[in-house]
N, C-alpha and C. Protein backbone atom coordinates (compact mmCIF):
# COMPACT_ATOMS: atom_id res chain seq x y z
N MET A 1 25.91 7.04 -7.44
CA MET A 1 25.78 5.74 -8.05
C MET A 1 27.12 5.25 -8.57
N CYS A 2 27.92 6.13 -9.09
CA CYS A 2 29.23 5.78 -9.65
C CYS A 2 30.24 5.65 -8.52
N SER A 3 30.84 4.48 -8.39
CA SER A 3 31.79 4.28 -7.29
C SER A 3 33.16 3.82 -7.77
N HIS A 4 33.38 3.77 -9.08
CA HIS A 4 34.68 3.32 -9.57
C HIS A 4 35.67 4.48 -9.63
N GLN A 5 36.94 4.14 -9.71
CA GLN A 5 38.00 5.15 -9.78
C GLN A 5 38.77 4.98 -11.07
N PRO A 6 39.10 6.02 -11.78
CA PRO A 6 38.71 7.40 -11.49
C PRO A 6 37.21 7.56 -11.71
N SER A 7 36.63 8.52 -11.01
CA SER A 7 35.19 8.72 -11.11
C SER A 7 34.83 9.27 -12.49
N CYS A 8 33.59 9.11 -12.83
CA CYS A 8 33.11 9.54 -14.15
C CYS A 8 33.03 11.06 -14.23
N PRO A 9 33.01 11.57 -15.46
CA PRO A 9 32.80 13.01 -15.64
C PRO A 9 31.41 13.41 -15.15
N SER A 10 31.17 14.68 -15.00
CA SER A 10 29.85 15.15 -14.58
C SER A 10 28.82 14.80 -15.63
N SER A 11 27.55 14.88 -15.26
CA SER A 11 26.48 14.52 -16.19
C SER A 11 26.41 15.46 -17.39
N ASP A 12 27.03 16.64 -17.29
CA ASP A 12 27.06 17.57 -18.43
C ASP A 12 28.13 17.19 -19.45
N ALA A 13 29.04 16.33 -19.08
CA ALA A 13 30.13 15.93 -19.96
C ALA A 13 29.83 14.57 -20.60
N THR A 14 30.61 14.22 -21.58
CA THR A 14 30.46 12.90 -22.19
C THR A 14 31.44 11.94 -21.53
N GLY A 15 31.21 10.65 -21.73
CA GLY A 15 32.16 9.67 -21.24
C GLY A 15 31.72 8.88 -20.02
N GLN A 16 30.46 8.97 -19.61
CA GLN A 16 30.00 8.17 -18.48
C GLN A 16 29.95 6.71 -18.91
N HIS A 17 30.08 5.82 -17.94
CA HIS A 17 30.04 4.39 -18.21
C HIS A 17 28.61 3.89 -18.23
N VAL A 18 28.33 3.00 -19.17
CA VAL A 18 27.01 2.37 -19.25
C VAL A 18 26.95 1.25 -18.23
N VAL A 19 25.98 1.30 -17.34
CA VAL A 19 25.78 0.28 -16.32
C VAL A 19 24.89 -0.82 -16.85
N SER A 20 23.85 -0.43 -17.57
CA SER A 20 22.88 -1.39 -18.09
C SER A 20 22.36 -0.89 -19.43
N ALA A 21 22.56 -1.68 -20.48
CA ALA A 21 22.11 -1.29 -21.81
C ALA A 21 20.88 -2.11 -22.19
N HIS A 22 19.90 -1.45 -22.76
CA HIS A 22 18.67 -2.09 -23.21
C HIS A 22 18.34 -1.60 -24.62
N PRO A 23 19.17 -1.97 -25.61
CA PRO A 23 18.97 -1.48 -26.97
C PRO A 23 17.63 -1.91 -27.57
N GLU A 24 17.11 -3.05 -27.12
CA GLU A 24 15.81 -3.51 -27.63
C GLU A 24 14.68 -2.60 -27.18
N GLN A 25 14.91 -1.86 -26.08
CA GLN A 25 13.92 -0.91 -25.58
C GLN A 25 14.31 0.53 -25.87
N GLY A 26 15.53 0.74 -26.36
CA GLY A 26 15.95 2.07 -26.77
C GLY A 26 16.53 2.96 -25.69
N TRP A 27 17.07 2.37 -24.60
CA TRP A 27 17.64 3.20 -23.55
C TRP A 27 18.80 2.51 -22.86
N SER A 28 19.63 3.30 -22.18
CA SER A 28 20.75 2.79 -21.39
C SER A 28 20.84 3.58 -20.09
N LEU A 29 21.24 2.90 -19.02
CA LEU A 29 21.45 3.53 -17.72
C LEU A 29 22.94 3.81 -17.56
N LEU A 30 23.28 5.04 -17.25
CA LEU A 30 24.67 5.42 -17.04
C LEU A 30 25.02 5.35 -15.56
N CYS A 31 26.29 5.29 -15.25
CA CYS A 31 26.73 5.13 -13.86
C CYS A 31 26.39 6.33 -12.98
N ASP A 32 26.12 7.48 -13.57
CA ASP A 32 25.74 8.65 -12.77
C ASP A 32 24.23 8.69 -12.52
N GLY A 33 23.50 7.65 -12.95
CA GLY A 33 22.07 7.57 -12.72
C GLY A 33 21.22 8.12 -13.85
N ALA A 34 21.85 8.67 -14.86
CA ALA A 34 21.10 9.21 -16.00
C ALA A 34 20.64 8.08 -16.91
N ILE A 35 19.53 8.30 -17.57
CA ILE A 35 19.04 7.37 -18.59
C ILE A 35 19.13 8.10 -19.92
N VAL A 36 19.81 7.49 -20.88
CA VAL A 36 19.93 8.07 -22.21
C VAL A 36 19.11 7.21 -23.18
N PHE A 37 18.44 7.89 -24.09
CA PHE A 37 17.57 7.22 -25.03
C PHE A 37 18.18 7.25 -26.43
N ASP A 38 17.81 6.28 -27.23
CA ASP A 38 18.34 6.19 -28.59
C ASP A 38 18.00 7.39 -29.45
N ASP A 39 16.94 8.12 -29.09
CA ASP A 39 16.58 9.31 -29.87
C ASP A 39 17.38 10.53 -29.43
N THR A 40 18.40 10.33 -28.61
CA THR A 40 19.35 11.32 -28.08
C THR A 40 18.80 12.14 -26.91
N GLY A 41 17.61 11.83 -26.43
CA GLY A 41 17.08 12.49 -25.24
C GLY A 41 17.69 11.88 -23.99
N GLU A 42 17.58 12.58 -22.88
CA GLU A 42 18.12 12.10 -21.61
C GLU A 42 17.19 12.44 -20.46
N LEU A 43 17.20 11.59 -19.45
CA LEU A 43 16.57 11.86 -18.17
C LEU A 43 17.70 11.78 -17.16
N ARG A 44 18.06 12.91 -16.59
CA ARG A 44 19.21 12.96 -15.68
C ARG A 44 18.81 12.55 -14.27
N ALA A 45 19.79 12.18 -13.48
CA ALA A 45 19.57 11.70 -12.12
C ALA A 45 18.87 12.73 -11.25
N ASP A 46 19.07 14.01 -11.52
CA ASP A 46 18.43 15.07 -10.72
C ASP A 46 17.00 15.34 -11.16
N GLY A 47 16.51 14.58 -12.17
CA GLY A 47 15.15 14.74 -12.66
C GLY A 47 15.00 15.68 -13.84
N SER A 48 16.08 16.35 -14.21
CA SER A 48 16.00 17.24 -15.36
C SER A 48 15.95 16.43 -16.65
N VAL A 49 15.42 17.04 -17.67
CA VAL A 49 15.23 16.38 -18.96
C VAL A 49 16.04 17.10 -20.02
N VAL A 50 16.69 16.34 -20.88
CA VAL A 50 17.37 16.90 -22.05
C VAL A 50 16.58 16.41 -23.25
N ALA A 51 16.02 17.34 -23.99
CA ALA A 51 15.21 17.00 -25.16
C ALA A 51 16.09 16.37 -26.24
N PRO A 52 15.50 15.51 -27.07
CA PRO A 52 16.26 14.93 -28.18
C PRO A 52 16.85 16.03 -29.05
N HIS A 53 18.06 15.80 -29.52
CA HIS A 53 18.73 16.80 -30.36
C HIS A 53 19.21 16.16 -31.65
N ARG A 54 18.26 15.52 -32.31
CA ARG A 54 18.54 14.85 -33.58
C ARG A 54 18.69 15.87 -34.71
N VAL A 55 19.47 15.50 -35.70
CA VAL A 55 19.58 16.28 -36.91
C VAL A 55 18.48 15.80 -37.85
N THR A 56 17.66 16.71 -38.30
CA THR A 56 16.57 16.32 -39.21
C THR A 56 16.98 16.55 -40.64
N HIS A 57 16.22 15.98 -41.53
CA HIS A 57 16.51 16.16 -42.95
C HIS A 57 16.37 17.63 -43.36
N LEU A 58 15.52 18.41 -42.67
CA LEU A 58 15.39 19.83 -42.97
C LEU A 58 16.64 20.59 -42.57
N ALA A 59 17.22 20.26 -41.44
CA ALA A 59 18.43 20.93 -40.99
C ALA A 59 19.61 20.57 -41.88
N MET A 60 19.62 19.34 -42.37
CA MET A 60 20.71 18.90 -43.24
C MET A 60 20.66 19.58 -44.60
N ALA A 61 19.46 19.95 -45.05
CA ALA A 61 19.29 20.58 -46.36
C ALA A 61 19.69 22.05 -46.34
N ALA A 62 19.70 22.65 -45.19
CA ALA A 62 19.99 24.08 -45.08
C ALA A 62 21.45 24.39 -45.28
């Protein structure tokens, strides 16, 4: 999906370009085909899922 130069980092790295942002719906499409959600979860182009990794108030208190 990403065709610009220099090419984007791999989906495991940070720094991909946002192709389409939908903040009112809570998600953005990245140039590598991944969808990232405002709750920090991801749906990658290969179909794998990255669970949300939010910091909770319980983790902050520890």
